[in-house]
Amino acid sequence: MIKLVIFDLDGTLLETVGDLAASCNAVLRRYGLPEHDYTAYRRFVGNGVRKLCERALPEQWRTEAQIDRIRDEFVAYYTAHIDCHSYAYEGISNLLEELVARGIKVAVVSNKFQQGTDLLIRKFFPEIPFVAVFGNRPEVPLKPNPAADLEVLRLAGVAPEEALHLGDTASDIRAAKAAGIGAVGVSWGFRSREELLEAGADRVIDRAEELLAMV
């Protein structure tokens, strides 16, 4: 029996690329650097904001100091404009409410910086009693490392075989598999069904309500 579902944030619970793209482009524009379109940012996201900024920068700008400076400016701008274009995917709010009503615990594990993760969860899902909302924290490695998933299992008091991890990237799938958790990919996110299956997804779903049949 499934007792816990761990959700990724960007590309799984929320469509956030619009704000990520607008914020990164605003910082690039300050320096007269080339900007990127929505499609490019779908490829850039998924491994934390520092990696996003690195991927968005021209190669000659990719020094550690430059990446850190752009990352800091991005975080400041994005935090102030975090929900201008973002929205919850169809059926997600109902899914979360139904899981909670069934007594199934829910949590968030994201590679987004912690402040941004907290802001978005409070904005879009203020009534959902998540057992944990984890973003990128200095002491915890990013997905695909399973550390955050394992921490959620401990907090929830749930065995790995009683949990599912829902995500839209190979990092989500690999983190879940490494933690011994059921790995469910979503087709509505930022990566392809093929990438999710190649990473080892146990299943890929096309609609949020499909998860209810699995629990």
N, C-alpha and C. Protein backbone atom coordinates (compact mmCIF):
# COMPACT_ATOMS: atom_id res chain seq x y z
N MET A 1 0.84 -1.20 0.00
CA MET A 1 0.00 0.00 0.00
C MET A 1 0.88 1.25 0.00
N ILE A 2 0.52 2.23 -0.83
CA ILE A 2 1.26 3.48 -0.90
C ILE A 2 0.81 4.41 0.22
N LYS A 3 1.78 4.89 1.00
CA LYS A 3 1.49 5.77 2.13
C LYS A 3 2.07 7.18 1.96
N LEU A 4 2.91 7.35 0.93
CA LEU A 4 3.60 8.62 0.73
C LEU A 4 3.85 8.85 -0.76
N VAL A 5 3.59 10.07 -1.22
CA VAL A 5 3.96 10.47 -2.58
C VAL A 5 4.85 11.70 -2.49
N ILE A 6 6.03 11.59 -3.06
CA ILE A 6 6.98 12.71 -3.12
C ILE A 6 6.88 13.34 -4.51
N PHE A 7 6.69 14.64 -4.55
CA PHE A 7 6.53 15.36 -5.81
C PHE A 7 7.74 16.23 -6.10
N ASP A 8 8.19 16.22 -7.33
CA ASP A 8 9.06 17.27 -7.84
C ASP A 8 8.19 18.53 -7.97
N LEU A 9 8.82 19.69 -8.14
CA LEU A 9 8.07 20.94 -8.24
C LEU A 9 7.97 21.44 -9.68
N ASP A 10 9.07 21.97 -10.21
CA ASP A 10 9.06 22.52 -11.57
C ASP A 10 8.85 21.41 -12.59
N GLY A 11 7.84 21.58 -13.43
CA GLY A 11 7.58 20.58 -14.46
C GLY A 11 6.74 19.41 -14.00
N THR A 12 6.38 19.40 -12.71
CA THR A 12 5.57 18.31 -12.17
C THR A 12 4.32 18.87 -11.49
N LEU A 13 4.52 19.67 -10.46
CA LEU A 13 3.39 20.37 -9.84
C LEU A 13 3.06 21.66 -10.59
N LEU A 14 4.10 22.39 -10.98
CA LEU A 14 3.92 23.72 -11.56
C LEU A 14 4.65 23.86 -12.89
N GLU A 15 4.03 24.61 -13.78
CA GLU A 15 4.69 25.08 -15.00
C GLU A 15 5.38 26.40 -14.63
N THR A 16 6.69 26.40 -14.60
CA THR A 16 7.44 27.56 -14.11
C THR A 16 8.43 28.13 -15.13
N VAL A 17 8.52 27.55 -16.29
CA VAL A 17 9.55 27.97 -17.25
C VAL A 17 9.38 29.42 -17.66
N GLY A 18 8.15 29.90 -17.75
CA GLY A 18 7.93 31.29 -18.15
C GLY A 18 8.66 32.27 -17.24
N ASP A 19 8.54 32.06 -15.93
CA ASP A 19 9.21 32.96 -14.99
C ASP A 19 10.71 32.72 -14.94
N LEU A 20 11.13 31.47 -15.04
CA LEU A 20 12.57 31.18 -15.06
C LEU A 20 13.23 31.82 -16.28
N ALA A 21 12.58 31.70 -17.43
CA ALA A 21 13.12 32.27 -18.67
C ALA A 21 13.16 33.79 -18.60
N ALA A 22 12.06 34.41 -18.16
CA ALA A 22 12.00 35.87 -18.10
C ALA A 22 13.05 36.41 -17.14
N SER A 23 13.25 35.73 -16.02
CA SER A 23 14.21 36.20 -15.02
C SER A 23 15.65 36.05 -15.51
N CYS A 24 15.96 34.90 -16.09
CA CYS A 24 17.32 34.69 -16.58
C CYS A 24 17.63 35.64 -17.74
N ASN A 25 16.67 35.82 -18.63
CA ASN A 25 16.88 36.74 -19.75
C ASN A 25 17.06 38.18 -19.27
N ALA A 26 16.36 38.56 -18.19
CA ALA A 26 16.51 39.91 -17.66
C ALA A 26 17.95 40.14 -17.17
N VAL A 27 18.53 39.13 -16.54
CA VAL A 27 19.91 39.26 -16.07
C VAL A 27 20.88 39.26 -17.24
N LEU A 28 20.67 38.37 -18.20
CA LEU A 28 21.54 38.34 -19.38
C LEU A 28 21.50 39.69 -20.11
N ARG A 29 20.33 40.29 -20.16
CA ARG A 29 20.14 41.56 -20.86
C ARG A 29 20.97 42.66 -20.20
N ARG A 30 21.12 42.63 -18.89
CA ARG A 30 21.93 43.63 -18.19
C ARG A 30 23.36 43.66 -18.69
N TYR A 31 23.84 42.51 -19.11
CA TYR A 31 25.23 42.38 -19.56
C TYR A 31 25.37 42.36 -21.08
N GLY A 32 24.28 42.59 -21.78
CA GLY A 32 24.32 42.57 -23.23
C GLY A 32 24.58 41.20 -23.81
N LEU A 33 24.21 40.15 -23.07
CA LEU A 33 24.45 38.78 -23.51
C LEU A 33 23.24 38.23 -24.26
N PRO A 34 23.44 37.23 -25.11
CA PRO A 34 22.33 36.66 -25.88
C PRO A 34 21.28 36.04 -24.95
N GLU A 35 20.01 36.26 -25.29
CA GLU A 35 18.91 35.68 -24.54
C GLU A 35 18.46 34.38 -25.22
N HIS A 36 17.59 33.64 -24.54
CA HIS A 36 17.15 32.35 -25.04
C HIS A 36 15.63 32.27 -25.02
N ASP A 37 15.09 31.37 -25.85
CA ASP A 37 13.64 31.24 -25.92
C ASP A 37 13.15 30.18 -24.93
N TYR A 38 11.83 30.05 -24.86
CA TYR A 38 11.17 29.14 -23.93
C TYR A 38 11.67 27.70 -24.11
N THR A 39 11.81 27.29 -25.36
CA THR A 39 12.23 25.91 -25.65
C THR A 39 13.61 25.63 -25.08
N ALA A 40 14.51 26.58 -25.21
CA ALA A 40 15.86 26.40 -24.67
C ALA A 40 15.83 26.25 -23.15
N TYR A 41 15.01 27.05 -22.50
CA TYR A 41 14.96 26.97 -21.03
C TYR A 41 14.37 25.66 -20.54
N ARG A 42 13.53 25.04 -21.32
CA ARG A 42 13.04 23.71 -20.94
C ARG A 42 14.18 22.70 -20.84
N ARG A 43 15.23 22.93 -21.63
CA ARG A 43 16.41 22.06 -21.57
C ARG A 43 17.36 22.48 -20.45
N PHE A 44 17.37 23.77 -20.13
CA PHE A 44 18.31 24.29 -19.14
C PHE A 44 17.93 23.93 -17.71
N VAL A 45 16.63 23.79 -17.43
CA VAL A 45 16.17 23.62 -16.05
C VAL A 45 16.29 22.16 -15.61
N GLY A 46 16.17 21.97 -14.29
CA GLY A 46 16.10 20.62 -13.75
C GLY A 46 17.24 20.24 -12.83
N ASN A 47 18.33 21.03 -12.84
CA ASN A 47 19.50 20.67 -12.02
C ASN A 47 19.93 21.82 -11.10
N GLY A 48 18.97 22.65 -10.72
CA GLY A 48 19.27 23.77 -9.84
C GLY A 48 19.55 25.05 -10.60
N VAL A 49 19.42 26.20 -9.90
CA VAL A 49 19.51 27.49 -10.59
C VAL A 49 20.95 27.81 -11.01
N ARG A 50 21.94 27.31 -10.29
CA ARG A 50 23.31 27.59 -10.71
C ARG A 50 23.61 26.92 -12.05
N LYS A 51 23.14 25.69 -12.21
CA LYS A 51 23.34 25.00 -13.48
C LYS A 51 22.53 25.66 -14.59
N LEU A 52 21.33 26.14 -14.26
CA LEU A 52 20.53 26.89 -15.23
C LEU A 52 21.31 28.09 -15.74
N CYS A 53 21.88 28.87 -14.82
CA CYS A 53 22.62 30.06 -15.22
C CYS A 53 23.86 29.70 -16.03
N GLU A 54 24.54 28.65 -15.64
CA GLU A 54 25.72 28.20 -16.39
C GLU A 54 25.34 27.85 -17.82
N ARG A 55 24.26 27.11 -17.98
CA ARG A 55 23.82 26.70 -19.32
C ARG A 55 23.39 27.89 -20.16
N ALA A 56 22.85 28.93 -19.52
CA ALA A 56 22.37 30.10 -20.27
C ALA A 56 23.50 31.03 -20.70
N LEU A 57 24.64 30.94 -20.04
CA LEU A 57 25.75 31.85 -20.34
C LEU A 57 26.54 31.39 -21.56
N PRO A 58 27.08 32.34 -22.33
CA PRO A 58 28.02 31.97 -23.39
C PRO A 58 29.22 31.24 -22.77
N GLU A 59 29.82 30.36 -23.53
CA GLU A 59 30.88 29.52 -22.99
C GLU A 59 32.01 30.33 -22.37
N GLN A 60 32.38 31.46 -23.01
CA GLN A 60 33.51 32.24 -22.50
C GLN A 60 33.20 32.93 -21.17
N TRP A 61 31.93 32.96 -20.78
CA TRP A 61 31.53 33.56 -19.51
C TRP A 61 31.44 32.53 -18.39
N ARG A 62 31.66 31.27 -18.68
CA ARG A 62 31.40 30.22 -17.71
C ARG A 62 32.57 29.97 -16.76
N THR A 63 33.03 31.03 -16.10
CA THR A 63 33.98 30.88 -15.02
C THR A 63 33.20 30.74 -13.71
N GLU A 64 33.81 30.19 -12.69
CA GLU A 64 33.12 30.00 -11.42
C GLU A 64 32.61 31.32 -10.87
N ALA A 65 33.44 32.36 -10.93
CA ALA A 65 33.05 33.67 -10.38
C ALA A 65 31.90 34.28 -11.16
N GLN A 66 31.94 34.17 -12.48
CA GLN A 66 30.87 34.75 -13.30
C GLN A 66 29.56 34.01 -13.09
N ILE A 67 29.64 32.69 -13.04
CA ILE A 67 28.42 31.90 -12.83
C ILE A 67 27.80 32.25 -11.48
N ASP A 68 28.64 32.38 -10.46
CA ASP A 68 28.12 32.72 -9.13
C ASP A 68 27.46 34.10 -9.14
N ARG A 69 28.07 35.06 -9.82
CA ARG A 69 27.50 36.41 -9.86
C ARG A 69 26.15 36.41 -10.59
N ILE A 70 26.08 35.74 -11.74
CA ILE A 70 24.84 35.67 -12.49
C ILE A 70 23.77 34.92 -11.69
N ARG A 71 24.19 33.86 -11.00
CA ARG A 71 23.26 33.09 -10.18
C ARG A 71 22.65 33.97 -9.08
N ASP A 72 23.49 34.77 -8.40
CA ASP A 72 22.98 35.63 -7.33
C ASP A 72 22.01 36.68 -7.87
N GLU A 73 22.32 37.26 -9.02
CA GLU A 73 21.43 38.25 -9.60
C GLU A 73 20.13 37.60 -10.08
N PHE A 74 20.25 36.40 -10.63
CA PHE A 74 19.06 35.67 -11.05
C PHE A 74 18.14 35.40 -9.86
N VAL A 75 18.69 34.90 -8.77
CA VAL A 75 17.87 34.57 -7.60
C VAL A 75 17.15 35.81 -7.08
N ALA A 76 17.84 36.94 -7.04
CA ALA A 76 17.20 38.18 -6.56
C ALA A 76 16.05 38.59 -7.47
N TYR A 77 16.28 38.55 -8.77
CA TYR A 77 15.22 38.96 -9.71
C TYR A 77 14.07 37.94 -9.70
N TYR A 78 14.41 36.67 -9.75
CA TYR A 78 13.38 35.62 -9.81
C TYR A 78 12.52 35.60 -8.56
N THR A 79 13.13 35.79 -7.40
CA THR A 79 12.37 35.80 -6.15
C THR A 79 11.33 36.91 -6.16
N ALA A 80 11.66 38.04 -6.77
CA ALA A 80 10.72 39.17 -6.83
C ALA A 80 9.66 39.01 -7.92
N HIS A 81 9.86 38.08 -8.85
CA HIS A 81 8.93 37.90 -9.97
C HIS A 81 8.56 36.43 -10.14
N ILE A 82 8.48 35.70 -9.05
CA ILE A 82 8.44 34.24 -9.10
C ILE A 82 7.12 33.66 -9.61
N ASP A 83 6.03 34.42 -9.52
CA ASP A 83 4.74 33.86 -9.90
C ASP A 83 4.00 34.69 -10.95
N CYS A 84 4.75 35.40 -11.77
CA CYS A 84 4.12 36.23 -12.82
C CYS A 84 3.51 35.37 -13.92
N HIS A 85 4.17 34.29 -14.28
CA HIS A 85 3.71 33.44 -15.39
C HIS A 85 3.48 31.99 -14.98
N SER A 86 3.84 31.63 -13.77
CA SER A 86 3.75 30.23 -13.33
C SER A 86 2.32 29.84 -12.96
N TYR A 87 2.01 28.56 -13.09
CA TYR A 87 0.67 28.06 -12.74
C TYR A 87 0.74 26.57 -12.47
N ALA A 88 -0.25 26.08 -11.71
CA ALA A 88 -0.34 24.65 -11.42
C ALA A 88 -0.87 23.92 -12.64
N TYR A 89 -0.30 22.76 -12.92
CA TYR A 89 -0.79 21.96 -14.03
C TYR A 89 -2.22 21.47 -13.76
N GLU A 90 -2.92 21.17 -14.82
CA GLU A 90 -4.31 20.72 -14.72
C GLU A 90 -4.41 19.47 -13.84
N GLY A 91 -5.31 19.52 -12.90
CA GLY A 91 -5.59 18.36 -12.04
C GLY A 91 -4.70 18.22 -10.84
N ILE A 92 -3.66 19.03 -10.72
CA ILE A 92 -2.70 18.86 -9.63
C ILE A 92 -3.31 19.21 -8.28
N SER A 93 -4.00 20.33 -8.19
CA SER A 93 -4.60 20.72 -6.90
C SER A 93 -5.59 19.67 -6.43
N ASN A 94 -6.42 19.18 -7.33
CA ASN A 94 -7.38 18.13 -6.97
C ASN A 94 -6.67 16.84 -6.54
N LEU A 95 -5.57 16.51 -7.23
CA LEU A 95 -4.81 15.31 -6.88
C LEU A 95 -4.27 15.41 -5.46
N LEU A 96 -3.65 16.53 -5.13
CA LEU A 96 -3.09 16.71 -3.79
C LEU A 96 -4.19 16.62 -2.73
N GLU A 97 -5.30 17.28 -2.98
CA GLU A 97 -6.41 17.26 -2.01
C GLU A 97 -6.95 15.85 -1.82
N GLU A 98 -7.05 15.08 -2.90
CA GLU A 98 -7.58 13.73 -2.81
C GLU A 98 -6.61 12.81 -2.08
N LEU A 99 -5.33 12.95 -2.33
CA LEU A 99 -4.34 12.14 -1.63
C LEU A 99 -4.41 12.39 -0.12
N VAL A 100 -4.47 13.66 0.26
CA VAL A 100 -4.56 14.01 1.68
C VAL A 100 -5.85 13.46 2.27
N ALA A 101 -6.95 13.56 1.53
CA ALA A 101 -8.23 13.04 2.02
C ALA A 101 -8.18 11.54 2.24
N ARG A 102 -7.37 10.84 1.47
CA ARG A 102 -7.23 9.38 1.62
C ARG A 102 -6.23 9.00 2.70
N GLY A 103 -5.62 10.00 3.34
CA GLY A 103 -4.66 9.71 4.38
C GLY A 103 -3.27 9.41 3.88
N ILE A 104 -3.00 9.72 2.63
CA ILE A 104 -1.68 9.51 2.04
C ILE A 104 -0.83 10.76 2.24
N LYS A 105 0.36 10.60 2.77
CA LYS A 105 1.24 11.74 3.01
C LYS A 105 1.82 12.25 1.70
N VAL A 106 2.07 13.54 1.65
CA VAL A 106 2.65 14.16 0.45
C VAL A 106 3.83 15.03 0.86
N ALA A 107 4.82 15.11 -0.03
CA ALA A 107 6.02 15.90 0.21
C ALA A 107 6.52 16.46 -1.11
N VAL A 108 7.40 17.44 -1.01
CA VAL A 108 8.03 18.04 -2.19
C VAL A 108 9.54 17.93 -2.05
N VAL A 109 10.19 17.45 -3.10
CA VAL A 109 11.65 17.45 -3.19
C VAL A 109 12.02 18.08 -4.52
N SER A 110 12.65 19.24 -4.46
CA SER A 110 12.96 20.00 -5.67
C SER A 110 14.44 20.37 -5.69
N ASN A 111 14.97 20.57 -6.89
CA ASN A 111 16.33 21.10 -7.03
C ASN A 111 16.33 22.62 -7.08
N LYS A 112 15.16 23.26 -7.00
CA LYS A 112 15.07 24.71 -6.92
C LYS A 112 15.59 25.17 -5.56
N PHE A 113 16.17 26.36 -5.50
CA PHE A 113 16.66 26.88 -4.22
C PHE A 113 15.52 26.93 -3.20
N GLN A 114 15.87 26.74 -1.92
CA GLN A 114 14.85 26.52 -0.89
C GLN A 114 13.86 27.68 -0.78
N GLN A 115 14.34 28.91 -0.83
CA GLN A 115 13.43 30.05 -0.69
C GLN A 115 12.40 30.07 -1.80
N GLY A 116 12.85 29.81 -3.03
CA GLY A 116 11.93 29.79 -4.15
C GLY A 116 10.92 28.67 -4.04
N THR A 117 11.37 27.49 -3.59
CA THR A 117 10.47 26.36 -3.38
C THR A 117 9.40 26.71 -2.36
N ASP A 118 9.81 27.29 -1.24
CA ASP A 118 8.85 27.66 -0.19
C ASP A 118 7.84 28.69 -0.69
N LEU A 119 8.32 29.69 -1.42
CA LEU A 119 7.43 30.74 -1.92
C LEU A 119 6.35 30.16 -2.83
N LEU A 120 6.74 29.29 -3.74
CA LEU A 120 5.78 28.74 -4.68
C LEU A 120 4.78 27.81 -4.01
N ILE A 121 5.24 26.99 -3.09
CA ILE A 121 4.31 26.09 -2.39
C ILE A 121 3.31 26.89 -1.58
N ARG A 122 3.75 27.94 -0.88
CA ARG A 122 2.82 28.77 -0.12
C ARG A 122 1.83 29.49 -1.02
N LYS A 123 2.30 29.90 -2.20
CA LYS A 123 1.44 30.62 -3.13
C LYS A 123 0.37 29.72 -3.73
N PHE A 124 0.76 28.53 -4.19
CA PHE A 124 -0.16 27.70 -4.96
C PHE A 124 -0.86 26.61 -4.16
N PHE A 125 -0.26 26.18 -3.06
CA PHE A 125 -0.85 25.07 -2.31
C PHE A 125 -0.85 25.36 -0.80
N PRO A 126 -1.41 26.49 -0.40
CA PRO A 126 -1.30 26.89 1.02
C PRO A 126 -2.03 25.98 1.98
N GLU A 127 -3.02 25.22 1.51
CA GLU A 127 -3.82 24.39 2.40
C GLU A 127 -3.34 22.94 2.48
N ILE A 128 -2.35 22.60 1.70
CA ILE A 128 -1.89 21.20 1.68
C ILE A 128 -0.87 20.97 2.79
N PRO A 129 -1.09 19.98 3.67
CA PRO A 129 -0.17 19.72 4.79
C PRO A 129 0.99 18.81 4.37
N PHE A 130 1.92 19.34 3.61
CA PHE A 130 3.09 18.56 3.20
C PHE A 130 3.90 18.16 4.43
N VAL A 131 4.37 16.92 4.44
CA VAL A 131 5.21 16.49 5.56
C VAL A 131 6.61 17.08 5.45
N ALA A 132 7.00 17.48 4.25
CA ALA A 132 8.29 18.14 4.04
C ALA A 132 8.23 18.89 2.72
N VAL A 133 8.89 20.04 2.67
CA VAL A 133 9.06 20.81 1.44
C VAL A 133 10.54 21.13 1.34
N PHE A 134 11.25 20.35 0.54
CA PHE A 134 12.69 20.47 0.44
C PHE A 134 13.09 21.02 -0.92
N GLY A 135 13.86 22.10 -0.88
CA GLY A 135 14.51 22.61 -2.07
C GLY A 135 16.01 22.35 -1.96
N ASN A 136 16.77 23.10 -2.73
CA ASN A 136 18.22 22.97 -2.72
C ASN A 136 18.75 23.59 -1.43
N ARG A 137 19.34 22.75 -0.59
CA ARG A 137 19.92 23.19 0.67
C ARG A 137 21.42 22.90 0.65
N PRO A 138 22.24 23.80 1.21
CA PRO A 138 23.70 23.65 1.08
C PRO A 138 24.23 22.30 1.55
N GLU A 139 23.61 21.73 2.58
CA GLU A 139 24.16 20.51 3.16
C GLU A 139 23.64 19.24 2.50
N VAL A 140 22.75 19.36 1.52
CA VAL A 140 22.13 18.18 0.91
C VAL A 140 22.39 18.20 -0.60
N PRO A 141 22.94 17.14 -1.17
CA PRO A 141 23.19 17.11 -2.61
C PRO A 141 21.89 17.10 -3.41
N LEU A 142 21.96 17.62 -4.61
CA LEU A 142 20.80 17.68 -5.49
C LEU A 142 20.44 16.30 -6.03
N LYS A 143 19.19 16.13 -6.45
CA LYS A 143 18.83 14.95 -7.24
C LYS A 143 19.70 14.94 -8.50
N PRO A 144 20.17 13.80 -8.94
CA PRO A 144 19.70 12.44 -8.69
C PRO A 144 20.21 11.77 -7.42
N ASN A 145 20.99 12.47 -6.59
CA ASN A 145 21.35 11.90 -5.31
C ASN A 145 20.06 11.66 -4.51
N PRO A 146 19.91 10.53 -3.85
CA PRO A 146 18.65 10.21 -3.17
C PRO A 146 18.54 10.77 -1.75
N ALA A 147 19.50 11.59 -1.32
CA ALA A 147 19.55 12.02 0.08
C ALA A 147 18.24 12.67 0.54
N ALA A 148 17.68 13.57 -0.26
CA ALA A 148 16.45 14.25 0.15
C ALA A 148 15.27 13.29 0.22
N ASP A 149 15.17 12.38 -0.73
CA ASP A 149 14.10 11.38 -0.69
C ASP A 149 14.22 10.53 0.57
N LEU A 150 15.42 10.12 0.90
CA LEU A 150 15.63 9.30 2.08
C LEU A 150 15.28 10.06 3.36
N GLU A 151 15.57 11.36 3.37
CA GLU A 151 15.21 12.19 4.51
C GLU A 151 13.69 12.28 4.67
N VAL A 152 12.99 12.42 3.54
CA VAL A 152 11.52 12.46 3.60
C VAL A 152 10.97 11.14 4.14
N LEU A 153 11.51 10.03 3.69
CA LEU A 153 11.06 8.73 4.20
C LEU A 153 11.20 8.66 5.72
N ARG A 154 12.32 9.14 6.23
CA ARG A 154 12.54 9.12 7.69
C ARG A 154 11.52 10.00 8.41
N LEU A 155 11.31 11.20 7.88
CA LEU A 155 10.38 12.12 8.53
C LEU A 155 8.95 11.57 8.51
N ALA A 156 8.59 10.92 7.40
CA ALA A 156 7.23 10.41 7.25
C ALA A 156 7.03 9.07 7.95
N GLY A 157 8.12 8.41 8.31
CA GLY A 157 8.01 7.09 8.91
C GLY A 157 7.46 6.06 7.95
N VAL A 158 7.92 6.14 6.71
CA VAL A 158 7.41 5.29 5.64
C VAL A 158 8.57 4.50 5.02
N ALA A 159 8.32 3.23 4.71
CA ALA A 159 9.32 2.40 4.04
C ALA A 159 9.39 2.75 2.55
N PRO A 160 10.55 2.56 1.92
CA PRO A 160 10.68 2.90 0.50
C PRO A 160 9.62 2.24 -0.38
N GLU A 161 9.28 0.99 -0.11
CA GLU A 161 8.30 0.29 -0.95
C GLU A 161 6.87 0.81 -0.75
N GLU A 162 6.69 1.70 0.22
CA GLU A 162 5.37 2.30 0.47
C GLU A 162 5.28 3.72 -0.10
N ALA A 163 6.26 4.10 -0.93
CA ALA A 163 6.32 5.47 -1.43
C ALA A 163 6.47 5.51 -2.95
N LEU A 164 6.03 6.61 -3.52
CA LEU A 164 6.23 6.92 -4.93
C LEU A 164 6.88 8.29 -5.04
N HIS A 165 7.70 8.45 -6.07
CA HIS A 165 8.29 9.76 -6.38
C HIS A 165 7.82 10.13 -7.78
N LEU A 166 7.16 11.28 -7.89
CA LEU A 166 6.61 11.74 -9.16
C LEU A 166 7.47 12.88 -9.69
N GLY A 167 7.98 12.74 -10.92
CA GLY A 167 8.83 13.79 -11.47
C GLY A 167 8.88 13.78 -12.98
N ASP A 168 9.49 14.82 -13.53
CA ASP A 168 9.49 15.00 -14.99
C ASP A 168 10.86 14.90 -15.62
N THR A 169 11.91 14.59 -14.82
CA THR A 169 13.25 14.50 -15.39
C THR A 169 13.93 13.21 -14.98
N ALA A 170 15.00 12.91 -15.68
CA ALA A 170 15.80 11.73 -15.34
C ALA A 170 16.35 11.82 -13.93
N SER A 171 16.64 13.03 -13.45
CA SER A 171 17.14 13.20 -12.09
C SER A 171 16.15 12.71 -11.06
N ASP A 172 14.86 12.97 -11.30
CA ASP A 172 13.82 12.48 -10.39
C ASP A 172 13.77 10.96 -10.39
N ILE A 173 13.79 10.39 -11.56
CA ILE A 173 13.68 8.94 -11.68
C ILE A 173 14.87 8.26 -11.02
N ARG A 174 16.07 8.76 -11.27
CA ARG A 174 17.26 8.14 -10.71
C ARG A 174 17.34 8.31 -9.20
N ALA A 175 16.88 9.45 -8.69
CA ALA A 175 16.85 9.64 -7.24
C ALA A 175 15.90 8.64 -6.60
N ALA A 176 14.72 8.47 -7.20
CA ALA A 176 13.74 7.53 -6.66
C ALA A 176 14.28 6.11 -6.68
N LYS A 177 14.86 5.70 -7.79
CA LYS A 177 15.38 4.34 -7.89
C LYS A 177 16.49 4.09 -6.88
N ALA A 178 17.36 5.09 -6.69
CA ALA A 178 18.46 4.95 -5.74
C ALA A 178 17.95 4.84 -4.31
N ALA A 179 16.78 5.44 -4.05
CA ALA A 179 16.20 5.38 -2.71
C ALA A 179 15.30 4.17 -2.51
N GLY A 180 15.10 3.39 -3.58
CA GLY A 180 14.22 2.23 -3.49
C GLY A 180 12.75 2.57 -3.56
N ILE A 181 12.45 3.76 -4.08
CA ILE A 181 11.07 4.26 -4.17
C ILE A 181 10.53 4.03 -5.57
N GLY A 182 9.24 3.81 -5.69
CA GLY A 182 8.63 3.70 -7.00
C GLY A 182 8.79 4.99 -7.79
N ALA A 183 9.26 4.89 -9.03
CA ALA A 183 9.59 6.06 -9.85
C ALA A 183 8.53 6.25 -10.93
N VAL A 184 7.79 7.35 -10.85
CA VAL A 184 6.72 7.65 -11.80
C VAL A 184 7.06 8.94 -12.54
N GLY A 185 7.16 8.84 -13.86
CA GLY A 185 7.41 10.02 -14.67
C GLY A 185 6.11 10.66 -15.11
N VAL A 186 6.17 11.96 -15.43
CA VAL A 186 5.01 12.68 -15.95
C VAL A 186 5.33 13.21 -17.34
N SER A 187 4.39 13.05 -18.24
CA SER A 187 4.65 13.43 -19.63
C SER A 187 4.42 14.92 -19.88
N TRP A 188 3.81 15.63 -18.92
CA TRP A 188 3.47 17.04 -19.14
C TRP A 188 4.60 18.00 -18.75
N GLY A 189 5.73 17.49 -18.30
CA GLY A 189 6.80 18.34 -17.81
C GLY A 189 7.80 18.77 -18.86
N PHE A 190 9.05 18.93 -18.43
CA PHE A 190 10.07 19.56 -19.25
C PHE A 190 10.91 18.59 -20.06
N ARG A 191 10.74 17.28 -19.83
CA ARG A 191 11.54 16.31 -20.55
C ARG A 191 10.63 15.30 -21.27
N SER A 192 11.21 14.52 -22.13
CA SER A 192 10.44 13.60 -22.95
C SER A 192 10.13 12.30 -22.21
N ARG A 193 9.10 11.62 -22.69
CA ARG A 193 8.76 10.29 -22.18
C ARG A 193 9.95 9.34 -22.35
N GLU A 194 10.66 9.46 -23.46
CA GLU A 194 11.80 8.59 -23.74
C GLU A 194 12.90 8.76 -22.69
N GLU A 195 13.18 10.00 -22.32
CA GLU A 195 14.20 10.24 -21.30
C GLU A 195 13.80 9.60 -19.97
N LEU A 196 12.55 9.71 -19.61
CA LEU A 196 12.07 9.15 -18.35
C LEU A 196 12.16 7.63 -18.35
N LEU A 197 11.77 7.02 -19.44
CA LEU A 197 11.82 5.56 -19.51
C LEU A 197 13.27 5.06 -19.54
N GLU A 198 14.12 5.76 -20.26
CA GLU A 198 15.53 5.38 -20.30
C GLU A 198 16.18 5.48 -18.92
N ALA A 199 15.70 6.42 -18.12
CA ALA A 199 16.24 6.59 -16.77
C ALA A 199 15.75 5.51 -15.81
N GLY A 200 14.73 4.75 -16.24
CA GLY A 200 14.24 3.65 -15.42
C GLY A 200 12.89 3.84 -14.80
N ALA A 201 12.09 4.79 -15.30
CA ALA A 201 10.76 5.02 -14.75
C ALA A 201 9.94 3.73 -14.76
N ASP A 202 9.26 3.46 -13.65
CA ASP A 202 8.38 2.30 -13.59
C ASP A 202 7.13 2.51 -14.43
N ARG A 203 6.76 3.79 -14.56
CA ARG A 203 5.59 4.14 -15.36
C ARG A 203 5.66 5.62 -15.67
N VAL A 204 5.08 6.02 -16.80
CA VAL A 204 4.94 7.43 -17.15
C VAL A 204 3.45 7.71 -17.31
N ILE A 205 2.95 8.73 -16.61
CA ILE A 205 1.53 9.06 -16.69
C ILE A 205 1.32 10.34 -17.48
N ASP A 206 0.13 10.45 -18.08
CA ASP A 206 -0.20 11.61 -18.93
C ASP A 206 -1.15 12.59 -18.27
N ARG A 207 -1.82 12.16 -17.20
CA ARG A 207 -2.77 13.02 -16.49
C ARG A 207 -2.59 12.80 -14.99
N ALA A 208 -2.78 13.87 -14.25
CA ALA A 208 -2.56 13.81 -12.80
C ALA A 208 -3.43 12.75 -12.14
N GLU A 209 -4.67 12.64 -12.58
CA GLU A 209 -5.59 11.71 -11.92
C GLU A 209 -5.17 10.25 -12.09
N GLU A 210 -4.30 9.94 -13.05
CA GLU A 210 -3.84 8.57 -13.21
C GLU A 210 -3.10 8.08 -11.97
N LEU A 211 -2.50 9.00 -11.22
CA LEU A 211 -1.78 8.58 -10.03
C LEU A 211 -2.72 7.96 -8.99
N LEU A 212 -3.95 8.42 -8.95
CA LEU A 212 -4.89 7.93 -7.93
C LEU A 212 -5.13 6.43 -8.09
N ALA A 213 -5.11 5.96 -9.32
CA ALA A 213 -5.31 4.52 -9.54
C ALA A 213 -4.13 3.70 -9.04
N MET A 214 -2.98 4.35 -8.84
CA MET A 214 -1.78 3.64 -8.39
C MET A 214 -1.69 3.56 -6.87
N VAL A 215 -2.51 4.35 -6.18
CA VAL A 215 -2.42 4.37 -4.72
C VAL A 215 -3.66 3.81 -4.08
